[in-house]
Amino acid sequence: MHEHDIDDHGLAAAEELEEIDETLCPECGGSGVTPAGEPCAHCGGTGRAVGGP
C-alpha cells in the first residue's frame, strides 16, 4: 500500500448498512441532545422525528 492510498479494508458495503430509522430525529439521531449537551432544537429534546407527510 502506498502512503496516498486509502485503506478501506473492513468498511461495509452500502447494502450491508442498517436502514435509517425514520422515527428518529435526523439532527440528533434520536438522542434528544446536541454534542454540547443541549436539548436538540429540531425535535425539542424528544429524539423523535417531527413533521413529515
C-alpha atoms as a PDB file:
ATOM      1  CA  MET A   1       0.000   0.000   0.000  1.00  0.00           C
ATOM      2  CA  HIS A   2       1.283   3.427  -0.918  1.00  0.00           C
ATOM      3  CA  GLU A   3       1.092   6.318   1.527  1.00  0.00           C
ATOM      4  CA  HIS A   4      -1.569   8.086  -0.577  1.00  0.00           C
ATOM      5  CA  ASP A   5      -3.828   5.005  -0.832  1.00  0.00           C
ATOM      6  CA  ILE A   6      -6.952   4.820   1.316  1.00  0.00           C
ATOM      7  CA  ASP A   7      -7.251   1.743   3.499  1.00  0.00           C
ATOM      8  CA  ASP A   8     -10.888   0.761   3.051  1.00  0.00           C
ATOM      9  CA  HIS A   9     -10.445  -2.777   4.309  1.00  0.00           C
ATOM     10  CA  GLY A  10     -13.262  -3.620   6.683  1.00  0.00           C
ATOM     11  CA  LEU A  11     -15.666  -0.915   5.517  1.00  0.00           C
ATOM     12  CA  ALA A  12     -19.220  -2.125   4.951  1.00  0.00           C
ATOM     13  CA  ALA A  13     -20.817  -2.055   1.538  1.00  0.00           C
ATOM     14  CA  ALA A  14     -23.914   0.141   1.175  1.00  0.00           C
ATOM     15  CA  GLU A  15     -26.261  -2.836   1.129  1.00  0.00           C
ATOM     16  CA  GLU A  16     -24.814  -4.056   4.433  1.00  0.00           C
ATOM     17  CA  LEU A  17     -25.537  -0.824   6.294  1.00  0.00           C
ATOM     18  CA  GLU A  18     -28.545  -0.619   8.568  1.00  0.00           C
ATOM     19  CA  GLU A  19     -31.619   1.109   7.264  1.00  0.00           C
ATOM     20  CA  ILE A  20     -32.308   4.608   8.557  1.00  0.00           C
ATOM     21  CA  ASP A  21     -34.960   4.696  11.268  1.00  0.00           C
ATOM     22  CA  GLU A  22     -37.329   7.397  10.063  1.00  0.00           C
ATOM     23  CA  THR A  23     -38.949   7.682  13.510  1.00  0.00           C
ATOM     24  CA  LEU A  24     -35.766   9.208  14.938  1.00  0.00           C
ATOM     25  CA  CYS A  25     -34.827  12.876  14.704  1.00  0.00           C
ATOM     26  CA  PRO A  26     -32.398  13.360  11.791  1.00  0.00           C
ATOM     27  CA  GLU A  27     -30.499  16.110  13.633  1.00  0.00           C
ATOM     28  CA  CYS A  28     -29.649  14.334  16.893  1.00  0.00           C
ATOM     29  CA  GLY A  29     -30.078  10.738  15.745  1.00  0.00           C
ATOM     30  CA  GLY A  30     -32.666  10.060  18.429  1.00  0.00           C
ATOM     31  CA  SER A  31     -30.573  11.101  21.423  1.00  0.00           C
ATOM     32  CA  GLY A  32     -32.536  14.313  22.023  1.00  0.00           C
ATOM     33  CA  VAL A  33     -29.385  16.300  22.749  1.00  0.00           C
ATOM     34  CA  THR A  34     -26.679  18.066  20.779  1.00  0.00           C
ATOM     35  CA  PRO A  35     -22.994  17.139  21.137  1.00  0.00           C
ATOM     36  CA  ALA A  36     -22.750  20.123  23.509  1.00  0.00           C
ATOM     37  CA  GLY A  37     -25.350  18.526  25.801  1.00  0.00           C
ATOM     38  CA  GLU A  38     -28.119  20.992  24.949  1.00  0.00           C
ATOM     39  CA  PRO A  39     -31.632  19.816  24.026  1.00  0.00           C
ATOM     40  CA  CYS A  40     -31.965  19.323  20.283  1.00  0.00           C
ATOM     41  CA  ALA A  41     -33.632  22.367  18.730  1.00  0.00           C
ATOM     42  CA  HIS A  42     -35.105  20.291  15.902  1.00  0.00           C
ATOM     43  CA  CYS A  43     -37.092  17.788  17.987  1.00  0.00           C
ATOM     44  CA  GLY A  44     -37.271  19.685  21.268  1.00  0.00           C
ATOM     45  CA  GLY A  45     -35.295  17.016  23.082  1.00  0.00           C
ATOM     46  CA  THR A  46     -37.689  14.149  22.361  1.00  0.00           C
ATOM     47  CA  GLY A  47     -35.434  12.355  19.888  1.00  0.00           C
ATOM     48  CA  ARG A  48     -38.430  11.711  17.658  1.00  0.00           C
ATOM     49  CA  ALA A  49     -38.855  12.829  14.062  1.00  0.00           C
ATOM     50  CA  VAL A  50     -41.150  15.810  13.710  1.00  0.00           C
ATOM     51  CA  GLY A  51     -43.240  16.952  10.761  1.00  0.00           C
ATOM     52  CA  GLY A  52     -43.249  14.975   7.570  1.00  0.00           C
ATOM     53  CA  PRO A  53     -46.075  13.846   5.318  1.00  0.00           C
END
